[in-house]
Amino acid sequence: MKAIFISVRTGSTRLPNKSILKINDKYTIEYVINSVKKSKYADKIILCTTELEEDNILCDIAKDNNIDFYRGDELNKSKRWYGACKKYDIDFFVTADGDDLFYDVGLSDLCFEQIENDYIDGQGLYNDVYGMTTKALKMCLDSSNDKNIEPHDMIQFFKSISLKGKKLSNVPEIYKKKNIRMTLDYKEDFMFFSEVINKIKLDFNIKDVLYYIDRNPNVININYHREQDWQKNQGKTK
């Protein structure tokens, strides 16, 4: 069985409760849910959150949107994913981050179309996306002794234990990284998303987003200065 896992929790320090803030009377997490529900290949959409009481609301949102949910480890996404795999009998899944309000389902479906072995690496696109088998994830957890390996480090770890995979290929231009910050971490990010969403059609996709930004380029300045702060937080350098 194939699934898309949406990783999300309410606990955040930079922007408290960011996943349940509202834009146009919709929770921010619902924009991700609405996109991935359009997948041509996923048998299930599963919201992966924590067992903390504060995340009860996310489970209610999942129910209201007719998708499944799984509650697991607060900080270790890999453990959370593996628990969801076991509960729902998932063989292969693709990731979607609850912070990425403009996540486009086309990214998920590219992963489903191209999976051949253990994993698909979609890092470095406008939103990072990964696909992996449950077998690969279990090998990762077993080899790391349950160490918390962040998703952006998992591909290198897969390679270190000789799993077979490939870089996502034939990626359309609309999914490639641009100098636009499209992740919800700071209040300026929320302002950016609010500005764009309030100006485009309700049932939008990434083409609609980029069309609006191309004609209103100043909107990028609302939050792009926060990209450097995010890079430092992730321990990355440009």
Protein backbone atom coordinates (compact mmCIF):
# COMPACT_ATOMS: atom_id res chain seq x y z
CA MET A 1 0.00 0.00 0.00
CA LYS A 2 1.24 3.50 -0.88
CA ALA A 3 0.78 6.61 1.26
CA ILE A 4 1.65 10.25 1.66
CA PHE A 5 2.72 11.14 5.19
CA ILE A 6 2.11 14.71 6.36
CA SER A 7 4.46 15.42 9.27
CA VAL A 8 3.09 18.06 11.61
CA ARG A 9 2.81 19.07 15.26
CA THR A 10 1.59 22.19 17.04
CA GLY A 11 4.71 22.57 19.18
CA SER A 12 6.95 25.23 17.67
CA THR A 13 9.06 27.94 19.25
CA ARG A 14 9.60 30.41 16.40
CA LEU A 15 5.92 30.63 15.47
CA PRO A 16 3.67 29.06 18.13
CA ASN A 17 0.81 26.89 16.88
CA LYS A 18 1.77 27.59 13.27
CA SER A 19 -0.06 24.54 11.92
CA ILE A 20 -3.40 25.73 13.32
CA LEU A 21 -3.21 29.40 12.43
CA LYS A 22 -5.89 30.37 9.96
CA ILE A 23 -5.82 31.97 6.51
CA ASN A 24 -9.20 32.52 4.85
CA ASP A 25 -10.91 30.54 7.62
CA LYS A 26 -8.79 27.46 6.92
CA TYR A 27 -6.08 26.03 9.14
CA THR A 28 -2.66 26.31 7.52
CA ILE A 29 -2.24 22.52 7.64
CA GLU A 30 -5.40 22.14 5.57
CA TYR A 31 -3.69 23.70 2.57
CA VAL A 32 -1.20 20.82 2.58
CA ILE A 33 -3.96 18.27 3.15
CA ASN A 34 -6.06 19.63 0.28
CA SER A 35 -3.12 19.39 -2.10
CA VAL A 36 -1.98 15.84 -1.35
CA LYS A 37 -5.54 14.48 -1.41
CA LYS A 38 -5.37 15.00 -5.18
CA SER A 39 -2.65 12.36 -5.60
CA LYS A 40 -3.21 9.91 -8.45
CA TYR A 41 -1.28 7.14 -6.71
CA ALA A 42 -1.58 7.35 -2.92
CA ASP A 43 -3.86 4.77 -1.35
CA LYS A 44 -3.86 6.70 1.92
CA ILE A 45 -3.10 10.18 3.20
CA ILE A 46 -1.86 9.96 6.80
CA LEU A 47 -1.24 12.89 9.11
CA CYS A 48 1.69 11.95 11.37
CA THR A 49 1.70 13.85 14.63
CA THR A 50 2.59 13.32 18.30
CA GLU A 51 0.90 11.80 21.33
CA LEU A 52 0.89 15.15 23.13
CA GLU A 53 -2.51 16.46 24.20
CA GLU A 54 -1.85 19.73 22.38
CA ASP A 55 -1.93 17.81 19.09
CA ASN A 56 -5.46 16.48 19.61
CA ILE A 57 -6.66 19.31 17.39
CA LEU A 58 -4.56 18.02 14.50
CA CYS A 59 -6.24 14.63 14.77
CA ASP A 60 -9.62 16.36 14.72
CA ILE A 61 -8.58 18.27 11.59
CA ALA A 62 -7.54 14.99 9.96
CA LYS A 63 -10.93 13.46 10.76
CA ASP A 64 -12.75 16.53 9.44
CA ASN A 65 -10.80 16.23 6.18
CA ASN A 66 -11.44 12.48 5.86
CA ILE A 67 -7.82 11.38 6.12
CA ASP A 68 -6.10 9.02 8.54
CA PHE A 69 -3.72 10.01 11.33
CA TYR A 70 -1.01 8.44 13.43
CA ARG A 71 0.33 9.60 16.79
CA GLY A 72 3.90 8.79 17.75
CA ASP A 73 7.28 10.12 18.85
CA GLU A 74 7.34 13.87 19.49
CA LEU A 75 10.72 14.67 17.92
CA ASN A 76 11.79 11.63 15.90
CA LYS A 77 9.91 11.73 12.59
CA SER A 78 11.45 8.44 11.46
CA LYS A 79 9.93 6.59 14.42
CA ARG A 80 6.62 8.30 13.78
CA TRP A 81 6.69 7.27 10.12
CA TYR A 82 7.58 3.68 10.95
CA GLY A 83 4.73 3.46 13.44
CA ALA A 84 2.34 4.71 10.76
CA CYS A 85 3.75 2.16 8.28
CA LYS A 86 3.06 -0.68 10.70
CA LYS A 87 -0.40 0.52 11.69
CA TYR A 88 -1.63 1.04 8.14
CA ASP A 89 0.37 -1.69 6.36
CA ILE A 90 2.29 0.78 4.18
CA ASP A 91 4.95 -0.52 1.78
CA PHE A 92 6.09 2.81 0.33
CA PHE A 93 5.44 6.39 1.33
CA VAL A 94 6.23 9.93 0.22
CA THR A 95 6.76 12.78 2.67
CA ALA A 96 5.04 16.15 2.87
CA ASP A 97 5.89 18.70 5.53
CA GLY A 98 3.10 20.53 7.31
CA ASP A 99 5.15 23.74 7.12
CA ASP A 100 5.02 23.77 3.31
CA LEU A 101 1.67 25.38 2.54
CA PHE A 102 2.38 25.50 -1.20
CA TYR A 103 3.43 21.84 -1.38
CA ASP A 104 2.19 20.55 -4.72
CA VAL A 105 0.89 17.01 -5.10
CA GLY A 106 2.81 16.73 -8.36
CA LEU A 107 5.99 16.32 -6.29
CA SER A 108 4.50 13.31 -4.51
CA ASP A 109 3.29 11.73 -7.71
CA LEU A 110 6.71 12.11 -9.36
CA CYS A 111 8.13 10.04 -6.50
CA PHE A 112 5.46 7.36 -6.91
CA GLU A 113 6.14 7.21 -10.65
CA GLN A 114 9.91 6.90 -10.29
CA ILE A 115 10.42 4.57 -7.34
CA GLU A 116 12.44 1.53 -8.39
CA ASN A 117 14.38 0.42 -5.32
CA ASP A 118 14.63 1.66 -1.72
CA TYR A 119 14.27 5.43 -1.89
CA ILE A 120 13.78 8.56 -3.99
CA ASP A 121 15.71 11.75 -3.19
CA GLY A 122 13.84 14.97 -3.94
CA GLN A 123 16.00 17.26 -1.81
CA GLY A 124 16.83 20.71 -3.13
CA LEU A 125 13.52 21.44 -4.87
CA TYR A 126 11.25 24.31 -3.82
CA ASN A 127 10.00 21.94 -1.11
CA ASP A 128 12.12 18.92 -0.19
CA VAL A 129 10.36 15.63 -0.85
CA TYR A 130 11.43 12.07 -0.10
CA GLY A 131 10.04 8.67 -0.97
CA MET A 132 11.11 5.44 0.73
CA THR A 133 10.08 1.89 1.37
CA THR A 134 9.13 0.75 4.84
CA LYS A 135 11.98 -1.75 4.59
CA ALA A 136 14.49 1.07 4.00
CA LEU A 137 13.12 3.08 6.90
CA LYS A 138 13.37 0.09 9.27
CA MET A 139 16.97 -0.55 8.19
CA CYS A 140 17.74 3.09 8.88
CA LEU A 141 16.22 2.91 12.37
CA ASP A 142 17.94 -0.37 13.17
CA SER A 143 21.34 0.81 11.91
CA SER A 144 21.16 4.13 13.74
CA ASN A 145 20.11 2.53 17.06
CA ASP A 146 17.00 4.75 17.01
CA LYS A 147 19.10 7.90 16.68
CA ASN A 148 17.05 10.87 15.51
CA ILE A 149 18.14 11.37 11.90
CA GLU A 150 16.55 14.43 10.34
CA PRO A 151 14.87 13.87 6.94
CA HIS A 152 17.44 16.04 5.14
CA ASP A 153 20.20 13.72 6.44
CA MET A 154 18.44 10.43 5.71
CA ILE A 155 19.55 10.10 2.08
CA GLN A 156 23.21 10.18 3.05
CA PHE A 157 22.48 7.64 5.77
CA PHE A 158 20.71 5.38 3.27
CA LYS A 159 23.80 5.52 1.07
CA SER A 160 26.04 4.68 4.04
CA ILE A 161 24.16 1.43 4.62
CA SER A 162 24.20 0.57 0.90
CA LEU A 163 20.53 1.03 0.16
CA LYS A 164 19.67 1.60 -3.49
CA GLY A 165 17.92 4.74 -4.64
CA LYS A 166 17.98 7.60 -7.09
CA LYS A 167 17.64 11.31 -7.39
CA LEU A 168 14.24 12.47 -8.57
CA SER A 169 14.62 13.11 -12.31
CA ASN A 170 12.81 14.89 -15.13
CA VAL A 171 11.54 17.44 -12.65
CA PRO A 172 9.42 20.22 -14.23
CA GLU A 173 10.77 23.75 -13.86
CA ILE A 174 7.90 24.78 -11.58
CA TYR A 175 9.23 22.46 -8.86
CA LYS A 176 12.83 23.67 -8.95
CA LYS A 177 14.29 25.87 -6.22
CA LYS A 178 13.89 29.61 -6.69
CA ASN A 179 14.77 32.61 -4.55
CA ILE A 180 11.39 32.46 -2.85
CA ARG A 181 10.89 31.34 0.73
CA MET A 182 7.88 29.02 0.94
CA THR A 183 8.14 27.47 4.41
CA LEU A 184 6.16 28.47 7.51
CA ASP A 185 8.56 29.11 10.41
CA TYR A 186 8.31 32.80 11.26
CA LYS A 187 5.61 35.46 11.48
CA GLU A 188 6.93 36.96 8.24
CA ASP A 189 6.32 33.61 6.55
CA PHE A 190 2.74 33.67 7.75
CA MET A 191 2.39 37.18 6.34
CA PHE A 192 3.78 36.00 3.00
CA PHE A 193 1.42 33.03 2.75
CA SER A 194 -1.55 35.16 3.82
CA GLU A 195 -0.77 37.81 1.19
CA VAL A 196 -0.52 35.29 -1.65
CA ILE A 197 -3.42 33.05 -0.65
CA ASN A 198 -5.75 36.00 -0.23
CA LYS A 199 -5.01 37.10 -3.80
CA ILE A 200 -5.36 33.84 -5.72
CA LYS A 201 -8.17 31.36 -6.30
CA LEU A 202 -9.21 29.12 -3.43
CA ASP A 203 -8.35 25.80 -5.09
CA PHE A 204 -4.83 26.76 -6.15
CA ASN A 205 -1.70 24.87 -7.16
CA ILE A 206 1.95 25.85 -7.49
CA LYS A 207 1.38 27.21 -11.01
CA ASP A 208 -1.17 29.68 -9.64
CA VAL A 209 1.23 30.69 -6.84
CA LEU A 210 4.17 31.31 -9.17
CA TYR A 211 1.97 33.13 -11.68
CA TYR A 212 0.90 35.58 -8.96
CA ILE A 213 4.43 36.03 -7.60
CA ASP A 214 5.84 36.58 -11.08
CA ARG A 215 3.45 39.50 -11.51
CA ASN A 216 3.86 40.76 -7.94
CA PRO A 217 7.56 40.15 -7.20
CA ASN A 218 7.67 42.46 -4.19
CA VAL A 219 5.75 39.89 -2.18
CA ILE A 220 8.98 37.88 -1.99
CA ASN A 221 10.50 40.59 0.21
CA ILE A 222 7.99 39.96 2.99
CA ASN A 223 9.88 36.96 4.31
CA TYR A 224 12.91 36.13 2.16
CA HIS A 225 15.28 37.79 4.64
CA ARG A 226 14.31 35.00 7.05
CA GLU A 227 15.95 32.39 4.82
CA GLN A 228 19.35 33.07 6.35
CA ASP A 229 17.93 32.60 9.86
CA TRP A 230 16.40 29.30 8.79
CA GLN A 231 19.67 28.12 7.24
CA LYS A 232 21.50 28.81 10.50
CA ASN A 233 18.84 26.94 12.48
CA GLN A 234 19.17 23.93 10.20
CA GLY A 235 22.96 24.00 10.49
CA LYS A 236 23.34 24.66 6.79
CA THR A 237 25.48 27.11 4.90
CA LYS A 238 24.90 28.58 1.50
